[in-house]
Amino acid sequence: MPHSVDAAEALAWLALPPEQTEGFIWLHLNLSQASTERWIREHLSLPEAFHESLHQASRSSRVEQEGDALLAVMNDVLFEFSFEATDISTLWVSLESRLVVSARTRPLRSIDRLRDAVKKGEILRSPVDLMVRLLSLQVKVLEQIVRDAVIEVDNIEDRLLAERLQNRRVNLGALRRVMVRLQRLLAPEPAALFRLLNKPPHWVAEQDVVDLRQSTEEFAAVLNDMSALQERIKLLQEEIAARINEQDNRSLFVLTVVTVLALPFNIIAGLLGMNVGGIPLAQHAHGFWIVVAIVAVFTATVAFFALKRWRS
């Protein structure tokens, strides 16, 4: 039955010979505390690659074998995820036959759900089983994110088709940024796990390999769904951009037509308004109405050709 231990109890258990112990220890550490990394170096014999990965700029998901240990760099959404690209952070994991160390700088949803489940009595038979459960929880979290994103995209698409779309390009842009960032960070994970499954460490049980392969396939499937959603968002953005461009062109055409319609009046008014001698119809009794008729004829002619072109 799983139970909580403090740091001293964990170190005392690890100091015992393997034949005198059963199960394994899971240490979940918070790297936001400055003393955590120093404590890991002083008390735990983890591969140097684990410590190096904590300071690497690249945070893409990967799983590597270092001697008898497995090192994983995984990405997960924050506990308070709000569809922002910054709501994604990294989890570092080291797995050995008797010890699992997970470390993070910010609260993450999947690993915290797994920790709560273990506190409530869920049994993990091996370190790899812990990884399998973590991947399964990640799949559930990603599926929920995809479902929520699909609902938002459906609403935007309905508004677009109903010609009631207002200020929705920003929403799509934010959704697409989140999907792209998740895809970029998580896409290498299934490939790395499949490579590991071809030659796992000797202490990994056959059943764990089978379960890990199944979880990896489920993870790859949800990534494919995420990729399809990205493509749908991209096409929707292109359609919205095309409609906005069409509206802008229509507005520009209307403005051009209005300018052209006013052109005859401006030209004739400018000519007749010059303070020089010899202006025609200046002394005619009906001169004003004749000029109005001329302007109206010119304007009607221009309007006829403009409207004819618009309708065609």
C-alpha atoms as a PDB file:
ATOM      1  CA  MET A   1       0.000   0.000   0.000  1.00  0.00           C
ATOM      2  CA  PRO A   2       1.542   3.368  -0.963  1.00  0.00           C
ATOM      3  CA  HIS A   3       2.248   5.836   1.816  1.00  0.00           C
ATOM      4  CA  SER A   4       3.968   9.187   2.218  1.00  0.00           C
ATOM      5  CA  VAL A   5       7.544   9.439   3.494  1.00  0.00           C
ATOM      6  CA  ASP A   6       9.732  12.389   4.324  1.00  0.00           C
ATOM      7  CA  ALA A   7      13.201  13.013   2.906  1.00  0.00           C
ATOM      8  CA  ALA A   8      15.028  11.306   5.781  1.00  0.00           C
ATOM      9  CA  GLU A   9      12.896   8.160   5.512  1.00  0.00           C
ATOM     10  CA  ALA A  10      13.383   8.042   1.750  1.00  0.00           C
ATOM     11  CA  LEU A  11      17.180   8.309   2.044  1.00  0.00           C
ATOM     12  CA  ALA A  12      17.241   5.665   4.781  1.00  0.00           C
ATOM     13  CA  TRP A  13      15.187   3.291   2.601  1.00  0.00           C
ATOM     14  CA  LEU A  14      17.456   3.860  -0.411  1.00  0.00           C
ATOM     15  CA  ALA A  15      20.525   3.100   1.757  1.00  0.00           C
ATOM     16  CA  LEU A  16      19.222  -0.433   2.397  1.00  0.00           C
ATOM     17  CA  PRO A  17      20.348  -3.295   0.132  1.00  0.00           C
ATOM     18  CA  PRO A  18      17.851  -4.050  -2.678  1.00  0.00           C
ATOM     19  CA  GLU A  19      17.156  -7.542  -1.334  1.00  0.00           C
ATOM     20  CA  GLN A  20      15.875  -6.032   1.934  1.00  0.00           C
ATOM     21  CA  THR A  21      13.330  -3.734   0.264  1.00  0.00           C
ATOM     22  CA  GLU A  22      10.218  -4.018  -1.865  1.00  0.00           C
ATOM     23  CA  GLY A  23       8.707  -1.548  -4.283  1.00  0.00           C
ATOM     24  CA  PHE A  24      10.241   1.807  -5.093  1.00  0.00           C
ATOM     25  CA  ILE A  25      10.445   5.404  -3.851  1.00  0.00           C
ATOM     26  CA  TRP A  26       8.936   8.325  -5.766  1.00  0.00           C
ATOM     27  CA  LEU A  27      10.301  11.776  -4.939  1.00  0.00           C
ATOM     28  CA  HIS A  28       8.392  14.687  -6.453  1.00  0.00           C
ATOM     29  CA  LEU A  29      10.434  17.878  -6.070  1.00  0.00           C
ATOM     30  CA  ASN A  30       9.820  21.578  -6.595  1.00  0.00           C
ATOM     31  CA  LEU A  31      12.709  23.244  -8.437  1.00  0.00           C
ATOM     32  CA  SER A  32      11.386  26.739  -7.756  1.00  0.00           C
ATOM     33  CA  GLN A  33      13.083  26.445  -4.359  1.00  0.00           C
ATOM     34  CA  ALA A  34      16.753  27.307  -4.719  1.00  0.00           C
ATOM     35  CA  SER A  35      17.924  24.541  -2.370  1.00  0.00           C
ATOM     36  CA  THR A  36      16.188  21.689  -4.233  1.00  0.00           C
ATOM     37  CA  GLU A  37      18.787  21.112  -6.940  1.00  0.00           C
ATOM     38  CA  ARG A  38      21.600  21.264  -4.383  1.00  0.00           C
ATOM     39  CA  TRP A  39      19.791  18.680  -2.236  1.00  0.00           C
ATOM     40  CA  ILE A  40      19.429  16.363  -5.248  1.00  0.00           C
ATOM     41  CA  ARG A  41      23.162  16.539  -5.982  1.00  0.00           C
ATOM     42  CA  GLU A  42      24.133  15.937  -2.370  1.00  0.00           C
ATOM     43  CA  HIS A  43      21.804  13.041  -1.536  1.00  0.00           C
ATOM     44  CA  LEU A  44      20.815  11.278  -4.782  1.00  0.00           C
ATOM     45  CA  SER A  45      23.050   9.485  -7.269  1.00  0.00           C
ATOM     46  CA  LEU A  46      21.310  10.544 -10.446  1.00  0.00           C
ATOM     47  CA  PRO A  47      22.966  10.541 -13.888  1.00  0.00           C
ATOM     48  CA  GLU A  48      24.770  13.760 -14.750  1.00  0.00           C
ATOM     49  CA  ALA A  49      22.575  14.032 -17.844  1.00  0.00           C
ATOM     50  CA  PHE A  50      19.594  14.658 -15.550  1.00  0.00           C
ATOM     51  CA  HIS A  51      21.285  17.690 -13.962  1.00  0.00           C
ATOM     52  CA  GLU A  52      22.365  18.973 -17.376  1.00  0.00           C
ATOM     53  CA  SER A  53      18.825  18.712 -18.753  1.00  0.00           C
ATOM     54  CA  LEU A  54      17.589  21.048 -16.006  1.00  0.00           C
ATOM     55  CA  HIS A  55      19.579  23.887 -17.568  1.00  0.00           C
ATOM     56  CA  GLN A  56      19.231  23.135 -21.272  1.00  0.00           C
ATOM     57  CA  ALA A  57      17.430  25.715 -23.385  1.00  0.00           C
ATOM     58  CA  SER A  58      15.627  23.060 -25.428  1.00  0.00           C
ATOM     59  CA  ARG A  59      12.520  21.799 -23.635  1.00  0.00           C
ATOM     60  CA  SER A  60      11.209  19.432 -26.329  1.00  0.00           C
ATOM     61  CA  SER A  61       9.920  16.146 -24.939  1.00  0.00           C
ATOM     62  CA  ARG A  62      12.354  13.251 -25.067  1.00  0.00           C
ATOM     63  CA  VAL A  63      13.173   9.958 -23.326  1.00  0.00           C
ATOM     64  CA  GLU A  64      16.754   8.688 -23.108  1.00  0.00           C
ATOM     65  CA  GLN A  65      18.504   5.759 -21.498  1.00  0.00           C
ATOM     66  CA  GLU A  66      21.541   6.577 -19.345  1.00  0.00           C
ATOM     67  CA  GLY A  67      23.050   3.329 -18.089  1.00  0.00           C
ATOM     68  CA  ASP A  68      20.314   1.572 -16.104  1.00  0.00           C
ATOM     69  CA  ALA A  69      18.293   4.768 -15.704  1.00  0.00           C
ATOM     70  CA  LEU A  70      15.650   6.338 -17.896  1.00  0.00           C
ATOM     71  CA  LEU A  71      15.651  10.134 -18.256  1.00  0.00           C
ATOM     72  CA  ALA A  72      12.559  11.892 -19.538  1.00  0.00           C
ATOM     73  CA  VAL A  73      11.917  15.537 -20.330  1.00  0.00           C
ATOM     74  CA  MET A  74       8.166  15.952 -20.573  1.00  0.00           C
ATOM     75  CA  ASN A  75       5.891  18.936 -21.082  1.00  0.00           C
ATOM     76  CA  ASP A  76       2.526  19.471 -19.493  1.00  0.00           C
ATOM     77  CA  VAL A  77      -0.024  22.244 -19.053  1.00  0.00           C
ATOM     78  CA  LEU A  78      -0.212  24.229 -15.856  1.00  0.00           C
ATOM     79  CA  PHE A  79      -2.765  23.333 -13.220  1.00  0.00           C
ATOM     80  CA  GLU A  80      -4.617  26.588 -13.993  1.00  0.00           C
ATOM     81  CA  PHE A  81      -4.568  26.230 -17.791  1.00  0.00           C
ATOM     82  CA  SER A  82      -6.298  29.102 -19.642  1.00  0.00           C
ATOM     83  CA  PHE A  83      -5.422  28.493 -23.315  1.00  0.00           C
ATOM     84  CA  GLU A  84      -2.333  30.688 -23.213  1.00  0.00           C
ATOM     85  CA  ALA A  85       0.908  29.625 -24.862  1.00  0.00           C
ATOM     86  CA  THR A  86       2.739  30.407 -21.619  1.00  0.00           C
ATOM     87  CA  ASP A  87       0.572  27.934 -19.654  1.00  0.00           C
ATOM     88  CA  ILE A  88       2.924  25.082 -20.571  1.00  0.00           C
ATOM     89  CA  SER A  89       5.896  24.017 -18.484  1.00  0.00           C
ATOM     90  CA  THR A  90       8.450  21.212 -18.234  1.00  0.00           C
ATOM     91  CA  LEU A  91       8.692  18.126 -16.041  1.00  0.00           C
ATOM     92  CA  TRP A  92      11.997  16.281 -15.599  1.00  0.00           C
ATOM     93  CA  VAL A  93      11.855  12.599 -14.628  1.00  0.00           C
ATOM     94  CA  SER A  94      14.535  10.044 -13.718  1.00  0.00           C
ATOM     95  CA  LEU A  95      13.479   6.397 -13.413  1.00  0.00           C
ATOM     96  CA  GLU A  96      15.498   3.563 -11.921  1.00  0.00           C
ATOM     97  CA  SER A  97      14.443   0.184 -10.576  1.00  0.00           C
ATOM     98  CA  ARG A  98      14.088   1.515  -6.980  1.00  0.00           C
ATOM     99  CA  LEU A  99      13.832   5.281  -7.409  1.00  0.00           C
ATOM    100  CA  VAL A 100      11.730   7.735  -9.402  1.00  0.00           C
ATOM    101  CA  VAL A 101      12.562  11.434  -9.204  1.00  0.00           C
ATOM    102  CA  SER A 102      10.265  13.992 -10.813  1.00  0.00           C
ATOM    103  CA  ALA A 103      10.988  17.700 -10.694  1.00  0.00           C
ATOM    104  CA  ARG A 104       9.109  20.750 -11.918  1.00  0.00           C
ATOM    105  CA  THR A 105       9.255  24.516 -11.447  1.00  0.00           C
ATOM    106  CA  ARG A 106       5.506  25.227 -11.715  1.00  0.00           C
ATOM    107  CA  PRO A 107       2.399  23.184 -10.734  1.00  0.00           C
ATOM    108  CA  LEU A 108       1.470  20.839 -13.586  1.00  0.00           C
ATOM    109  CA  ARG A 109      -1.922  19.246 -14.062  1.00  0.00           C
ATOM    110  CA  SER A 110      -1.104  15.633 -15.011  1.00  0.00           C
ATOM    111  CA  ILE A 111       1.636  14.954 -12.464  1.00  0.00           C
ATOM    112  CA  ASP A 112      -0.416  16.581  -9.693  1.00  0.00           C
ATOM    113  CA  ARG A 113      -3.396  14.377 -10.570  1.00  0.00           C
ATOM    114  CA  LEU A 114      -1.150  11.321 -10.423  1.00  0.00           C
ATOM    115  CA  ARG A 115       0.251  12.371  -7.051  1.00  0.00           C
ATOM    116  CA  ASP A 116      -3.263  12.887  -5.667  1.00  0.00           C
ATOM    117  CA  ALA A 117      -4.301   9.454  -6.944  1.00  0.00           C
ATOM    118  CA  VAL A 118      -1.311   7.818  -5.213  1.00  0.00           C
ATOM    119  CA  LYS A 119      -2.113   9.673  -1.985  1.00  0.00           C
ATOM    120  CA  LYS A 120      -5.628   8.221  -2.167  1.00  0.00           C
ATOM    121  CA  GLY A 121      -4.245   4.682  -2.395  1.00  0.00           C
ATOM    122  CA  GLU A 122      -3.744   3.937  -6.104  1.00  0.00           C
ATOM    123  CA  ILE A 123      -1.065   1.254  -6.450  1.00  0.00           C
ATOM    124  CA  LEU A 124       1.826   1.643  -8.894  1.00  0.00           C
ATOM    125  CA  ARG A 125       3.548  -1.698  -9.399  1.00  0.00           C
ATOM    126  CA  SER A 126       6.790  -0.297 -10.893  1.00  0.00           C
ATOM    127  CA  PRO A 127       8.534   2.926 -11.959  1.00  0.00           C
ATOM    128  CA  VAL A 128       7.518   2.298 -15.585  1.00  0.00           C
ATOM    129  CA  ASP A 129       3.918   1.831 -14.455  1.00  0.00           C
ATOM    130  CA  LEU A 130       4.188   5.333 -12.984  1.00  0.00           C
ATOM    131  CA  MET A 131       5.299   6.594 -16.402  1.00  0.00           C
ATOM    132  CA  VAL A 132       2.400   4.748 -18.043  1.00  0.00           C
ATOM    133  CA  ARG A 133      -0.119   6.326 -15.653  1.00  0.00           C
ATOM    134  CA  LEU A 134       1.423   9.741 -16.220  1.00  0.00           C
ATOM    135  CA  LEU A 135       1.147   9.356 -19.989  1.00  0.00           C
ATOM    136  CA  SER A 136      -2.482   8.233 -19.644  1.00  0.00           C
ATOM    137  CA  LEU A 137      -3.282  11.320 -17.573  1.00  0.00           C
ATOM    138  CA  GLN A 138      -1.510  13.505 -20.118  1.00  0.00           C
ATOM    139  CA  VAL A 139      -3.641  11.969 -22.853  1.00  0.00           C
ATOM    140  CA  LYS A 140      -6.810  12.760 -20.887  1.00  0.00           C
ATOM    141  CA  VAL A 141      -5.687  16.347 -20.288  1.00  0.00           C
ATOM    142  CA  LEU A 142      -4.826  16.839 -23.961  1.00  0.00           C
ATOM    143  CA  GLU A 143      -8.123  15.280 -25.068  1.00  0.00           C
ATOM    144  CA  GLN A 144     -10.003  17.737 -22.849  1.00  0.00           C
ATOM    145  CA  ILE A 145      -7.985  20.636 -24.288  1.00  0.00           C
ATOM    146  CA  VAL A 146      -8.764  19.488 -27.825  1.00  0.00           C
ATOM    147  CA  ARG A 147     -12.469  19.101 -27.001  1.00  0.00           C
ATOM    148  CA  ASP A 148     -12.647  22.590 -25.498  1.00  0.00           C
ATOM    149  CA  ALA A 149     -10.793  24.017 -28.488  1.00  0.00           C
ATOM    150  CA  VAL A 150     -13.132  22.230 -30.917  1.00  0.00           C
ATOM    151  CA  ILE A 151     -16.160  23.724 -29.146  1.00  0.00           C
ATOM    152  CA  GLU A 152     -14.653  27.209 -29.460  1.00  0.00           C
ATOM    153  CA  VAL A 153     -13.803  26.661 -33.137  1.00  0.00           C
ATOM    154  CA  ASP A 154     -17.337  25.338 -33.801  1.00  0.00           C
ATOM    155  CA  ASN A 155     -18.843  28.484 -32.252  1.00  0.00           C
ATOM    156  CA  ILE A 156     -16.616  30.723 -34.372  1.00  0.00           C
ATOM    157  CA  GLU A 157     -17.460  28.743 -37.507  1.00  0.00           C
ATOM    158  CA  ASP A 158     -21.207  28.992 -36.781  1.00  0.00           C
ATOM    159  CA  ARG A 159     -20.908  32.750 -36.340  1.00  0.00           C
ATOM    160  CA  LEU A 160     -18.949  32.999 -39.572  1.00  0.00           C
ATOM    161  CA  LEU A 161     -21.565  31.078 -41.533  1.00  0.00           C
ATOM    162  CA  ALA A 162     -24.327  33.161 -39.964  1.00  0.00           C
ATOM    163  CA  GLU A 163     -22.523  36.405 -40.913  1.00  0.00           C
ATOM    164  CA  ARG A 164     -22.354  37.368 -37.231  1.00  0.00           C
ATOM    165  CA  LEU A 165     -18.616  37.108 -36.750  1.00  0.00           C
ATOM    166  CA  GLN A 166     -17.184  39.968 -34.720  1.00  0.00           C
ATOM    167  CA  ASN A 167     -13.595  40.211 -33.494  1.00  0.00           C
ATOM    168  CA  ARG A 168     -12.958  36.479 -33.645  1.00  0.00           C
ATOM    169  CA  ARG A 169      -9.562  36.451 -35.393  1.00  0.00           C
ATOM    170  CA  VAL A 170      -7.812  37.073 -32.086  1.00  0.00           C
ATOM    171  CA  ASN A 171      -9.475  34.010 -30.488  1.00  0.00           C
ATOM    172  CA  LEU A 172      -8.416  31.770 -33.346  1.00  0.00           C
ATOM    173  CA  GLY A 173      -4.889  33.130 -33.251  1.00  0.00           C
ATOM    174  CA  ALA A 174      -4.560  32.364 -29.532  1.00  0.00           C
ATOM    175  CA  LEU A 175      -5.959  28.853 -30.005  1.00  0.00           C
ATOM    176  CA  ARG A 176      -3.610  28.163 -32.870  1.00  0.00           C
ATOM    177  CA  ARG A 177      -0.589  29.411 -30.906  1.00  0.00           C
ATOM    178  CA  VAL A 178      -1.426  27.039 -28.046  1.00  0.00           C
ATOM    179  CA  MET A 179      -1.945  24.077 -30.394  1.00  0.00           C
ATOM    180  CA  VAL A 180       1.291  24.782 -32.277  1.00  0.00           C
ATOM    181  CA  ARG A 181       3.291  25.115 -29.062  1.00  0.00           C
ATOM    182  CA  LEU A 182       1.844  21.909 -27.623  1.00  0.00           C
ATOM    183  CA  GLN A 183       2.465  20.083 -30.881  1.00  0.00           C
ATOM    184  CA  ARG A 184       6.049  21.360 -31.092  1.00  0.00           C
ATOM    185  CA  LEU A 185       6.879  20.367 -27.518  1.00  0.00           C
ATOM    186  CA  LEU A 186       5.018  17.053 -27.339  1.00  0.00           C
ATOM    187  CA  ALA A 187       5.445  15.631 -30.851  1.00  0.00           C
ATOM    188  CA  PRO A 188       8.912  14.089 -30.214  1.00  0.00           C
ATOM    189  CA  GLU A 189       7.628  12.158 -27.181  1.00  0.00           C
ATOM    190  CA  PRO A 190       5.947   9.166 -28.915  1.00  0.00           C
ATOM    191  CA  ALA A 191       8.909   8.666 -31.265  1.00  0.00           C
ATOM    192  CA  ALA A 192      11.348   8.704 -28.331  1.00  0.00           C
ATOM    193  CA  LEU A 193       9.221   6.190 -26.414  1.00  0.00           C
ATOM    194  CA  PHE A 194       8.948   3.873 -29.416  1.00  0.00           C
ATOM    195  CA  ARG A 195      12.752   3.896 -29.770  1.00  0.00           C
ATOM    196  CA  LEU A 196      13.058   3.078 -26.082  1.00  0.00           C
ATOM    197  CA  LEU A 197      10.604   0.191 -26.380  1.00  0.00           C
ATOM    198  CA  ASN A 198      12.845  -1.495 -28.935  1.00  0.00           C
ATOM    199  CA  LYS A 199      15.567  -1.936 -26.282  1.00  0.00           C
ATOM    200  CA  PRO A 200      14.320  -1.176 -22.745  1.00  0.00           C
ATOM    201  CA  PRO A 201      16.508  -1.501 -19.607  1.00  0.00           C
ATOM    202  CA  HIS A 202      16.818  -4.997 -18.126  1.00  0.00           C
ATOM    203  CA  TRP A 203      14.757  -4.128 -15.033  1.00  0.00           C
ATOM    204  CA  VAL A 204      11.657  -3.169 -17.070  1.00  0.00           C
ATOM    205  CA  ALA A 205       9.043  -5.940 -16.966  1.00  0.00           C
ATOM    206  CA  GLU A 206       7.452  -7.249 -20.145  1.00  0.00           C
ATOM    207  CA  GLN A 207       3.973  -6.146 -19.039  1.00  0.00           C
ATOM    208  CA  ASP A 208       5.289  -2.624 -18.454  1.00  0.00           C
ATOM    209  CA  VAL A 209       6.629  -2.583 -22.003  1.00  0.00           C
ATOM    210  CA  VAL A 210       3.220  -3.611 -23.358  1.00  0.00           C
ATOM    211  CA  ASP A 211       1.404  -0.968 -21.286  1.00  0.00           C
ATOM    212  CA  LEU A 212       3.921   1.702 -22.257  1.00  0.00           C
ATOM    213  CA  ARG A 213       3.492   0.893 -25.944  1.00  0.00           C
ATOM    214  CA  GLN A 214      -0.304   1.179 -25.637  1.00  0.00           C
ATOM    215  CA  SER A 215      -0.051   4.530 -23.823  1.00  0.00           C
ATOM    216  CA  THR A 216       2.381   5.780 -26.447  1.00  0.00           C
ATOM    217  CA  GLU A 217      -0.023   4.858 -29.242  1.00  0.00           C
ATOM    218  CA  GLU A 218      -2.855   6.701 -27.452  1.00  0.00           C
ATOM    219  CA  PHE A 219      -0.565   9.706 -27.018  1.00  0.00           C
ATOM    220  CA  ALA A 220       0.296   9.674 -30.729  1.00  0.00           C
ATOM    221  CA  ALA A 221      -3.417   9.509 -31.599  1.00  0.00           C
ATOM    222  CA  VAL A 222      -4.290  12.613 -29.564  1.00  0.00           C
ATOM    223  CA  LEU A 223      -1.365  14.444 -31.176  1.00  0.00           C
ATOM    224  CA  ASN A 224      -2.847  13.578 -34.584  1.00  0.00           C
ATOM    225  CA  ASP A 225      -6.187  15.021 -33.456  1.00  0.00           C
ATOM    226  CA  MET A 226      -4.371  18.159 -32.353  1.00  0.00           C
ATOM    227  CA  SER A 227      -2.653  18.418 -35.737  1.00  0.00           C
ATOM    228  CA  ALA A 228      -6.001  18.081 -37.540  1.00  0.00           C
ATOM    229  CA  LEU A 229      -7.453  20.825 -35.343  1.00  0.00           C
ATOM    230  CA  GLN A 230      -4.516  23.089 -36.213  1.00  0.00           C
ATOM    231  CA  GLU A 231      -5.229  22.600 -39.896  1.00  0.00           C
ATOM    232  CA  ARG A 232      -8.914  23.359 -39.364  1.00  0.00           C
ATOM    233  CA  ILE A 233      -8.075  26.558 -37.478  1.00  0.00           C
ATOM    234  CA  LYS A 234      -5.679  27.558 -40.258  1.00  0.00           C
ATOM    235  CA  LEU A 235      -8.348  27.072 -42.951  1.00  0.00           C
ATOM    236  CA  LEU A 236     -10.883  28.996 -40.863  1.00  0.00           C
ATOM    237  CA  GLN A 237      -8.433  31.854 -40.433  1.00  0.00           C
ATOM    238  CA  GLU A 238      -7.867  31.937 -44.193  1.00  0.00           C
ATOM    239  CA  GLU A 239     -11.619  32.050 -44.857  1.00  0.00           C
ATOM    240  CA  ILE A 240     -12.110  34.857 -42.340  1.00  0.00           C
ATOM    241  CA  ALA A 241      -9.196  36.766 -43.877  1.00  0.00           C
ATOM    242  CA  ALA A 242     -10.704  36.287 -47.359  1.00  0.00           C
ATOM    243  CA  ARG A 243     -14.078  37.619 -46.183  1.00  0.00           C
ATOM    244  CA  ILE A 244     -12.497  40.606 -44.482  1.00  0.00           C
ATOM    245  CA  ASN A 245     -10.483  41.307 -47.624  1.00  0.00           C
ATOM    246  CA  GLU A 246     -13.674  41.100 -49.703  1.00  0.00           C
ATOM    247  CA  GLN A 247     -15.433  43.529 -47.368  1.00  0.00           C
ATOM    248  CA  ASP A 248     -12.500  45.935 -47.575  1.00  0.00           C
ATOM    249  CA  ASN A 249     -12.545  45.740 -51.369  1.00  0.00           C
ATOM    250  CA  ARG A 250     -16.274  46.494 -51.440  1.00  0.00           C
ATOM    251  CA  SER A 251     -15.832  49.452 -49.114  1.00  0.00           C
ATOM    252  CA  LEU A 252     -12.989  50.773 -51.244  1.00  0.00           C
ATOM    253  CA  PHE A 253     -15.072  50.340 -54.402  1.00  0.00           C
ATOM    254  CA  VAL A 254     -18.012  52.239 -52.859  1.00  0.00           C
ATOM    255  CA  LEU A 255     -15.664  55.036 -51.835  1.00  0.00           C
ATOM    256  CA  THR A 256     -14.242  55.140 -55.364  1.00  0.00           C
ATOM    257  CA  VAL A 257     -17.746  55.276 -56.911  1.00  0.00           C
ATOM    258  CA  VAL A 258     -18.780  58.131 -54.621  1.00  0.00           C
ATOM    259  CA  THR A 259     -15.614  60.030 -55.537  1.00  0.00           C
ATOM    260  CA  VAL A 260     -16.236  59.493 -59.257  1.00  0.00           C
ATOM    261  CA  LEU A 261     -19.879  60.552 -58.956  1.00  0.00           C
ATOM    262  CA  ALA A 262     -18.830  63.817 -57.362  1.00  0.00           C
ATOM    263  CA  LEU A 263     -16.169  64.462 -59.989  1.00  0.00           C
ATOM    264  CA  PRO A 264     -18.397  66.052 -62.718  1.00  0.00           C
ATOM    265  CA  PHE A 265     -19.964  68.403 -60.208  1.00  0.00           C
ATOM    266  CA  ASN A 266     -16.555  69.448 -58.849  1.00  0.00           C
ATOM    267  CA  ILE A 267     -15.145  70.039 -62.339  1.00  0.00           C
ATOM    268  CA  ILE A 268     -18.116  72.086 -63.581  1.00  0.00           C
ATOM    269  CA  ALA A 269     -18.414  74.004 -60.313  1.00  0.00           C
ATOM    270  CA  GLY A 270     -14.708  74.807 -60.500  1.00  0.00           C
ATOM    271  CA  LEU A 271     -14.944  76.036 -64.099  1.00  0.00           C
ATOM    272  CA  LEU A 272     -18.039  78.145 -63.553  1.00  0.00           C
ATOM    273  CA  GLY A 273     -16.721  79.539 -60.312  1.00  0.00           C
ATOM    274  CA  MET A 274     -13.687  81.200 -61.909  1.00  0.00           C
ATOM    275  CA  ASN A 275     -13.814  84.972 -61.695  1.00  0.00           C
ATOM    276  CA  VAL A 276     -13.112  85.639 -65.390  1.00  0.00           C
ATOM    277  CA  GLY A 277     -15.134  87.008 -68.255  1.00  0.00           C
ATOM    278  CA  GLY A 278     -16.921  84.924 -70.837  1.00  0.00           C
ATOM    279  CA  ILE A 279     -18.410  82.323 -68.466  1.00  0.00           C
ATOM    280  CA  PRO A 280     -21.208  80.614 -70.442  1.00  0.00           C
ATOM    281  CA  LEU A 281     -24.825  81.023 -69.283  1.00  0.00           C
ATOM    282  CA  ALA A 282     -23.846  83.767 -66.863  1.00  0.00           C
ATOM    283  CA  GLN A 283     -26.582  86.050 -68.233  1.00  0.00           C
ATOM    284  CA  HIS A 284     -29.043  83.326 -69.204  1.00  0.00           C
ATOM    285  CA  ALA A 285     -32.365  83.347 -67.309  1.00  0.00           C
ATOM    286  CA  HIS A 286     -32.281  79.558 -66.791  1.00  0.00           C
ATOM    287  CA  GLY A 287     -28.507  79.137 -66.642  1.00  0.00           C
ATOM    288  CA  PHE A 288     -28.476  77.587 -63.177  1.00  0.00           C
ATOM    289  CA  TRP A 289     -30.944  74.841 -64.101  1.00  0.00           C
ATOM    290  CA  ILE A 290     -29.127  74.111 -67.329  1.00  0.00           C
ATOM    291  CA  VAL A 291     -25.894  73.561 -65.387  1.00  0.00           C
ATOM    292  CA  VAL A 292     -27.753  71.356 -62.881  1.00  0.00           C
ATOM    293  CA  ALA A 293     -29.148  69.285 -65.745  1.00  0.00           C
ATOM    294  CA  ILE A 294     -25.690  68.887 -67.272  1.00  0.00           C
ATOM    295  CA  VAL A 295     -24.227  67.776 -63.950  1.00  0.00           C
ATOM    296  CA  ALA A 296     -27.116  65.357 -63.394  1.00  0.00           C
ATOM    297  CA  VAL A 297     -26.657  63.799 -66.830  1.00  0.00           C
ATOM    298  CA  PHE A 298     -22.928  63.333 -66.299  1.00  0.00           C
ATOM    299  CA  THR A 299     -23.467  61.912 -62.815  1.00  0.00           C
ATOM    300  CA  ALA A 300     -26.203  59.529 -63.985  1.00  0.00           C
ATOM    301  CA  THR A 301     -24.001  58.287 -66.829  1.00  0.00           C
ATOM    302  CA  VAL A 302     -21.062  57.620 -64.531  1.00  0.00           C
ATOM    303  CA  ALA A 303     -23.346  55.947 -61.962  1.00  0.00           C
ATOM    304  CA  PHE A 304     -24.843  53.704 -64.653  1.00  0.00           C
ATOM    305  CA  PHE A 305     -21.470  52.366 -65.777  1.00  0.00           C
ATOM    306  CA  ALA A 306     -20.179  52.043 -62.200  1.00  0.00           C
ATOM    307  CA  LEU A 307     -23.212  50.073 -60.989  1.00  0.00           C
ATOM    308  CA  LYS A 308     -23.121  47.910 -64.103  1.00  0.00           C
ATOM    309  CA  ARG A 309     -19.491  47.003 -63.395  1.00  0.00           C
ATOM    310  CA  TRP A 310     -20.247  46.380 -59.695  1.00  0.00           C
ATOM    311  CA  ARG A 311     -23.071  43.952 -60.472  1.00  0.00           C
ATOM    312  CA  SER A 312     -20.993  42.088 -63.031  1.00  0.00           C
END
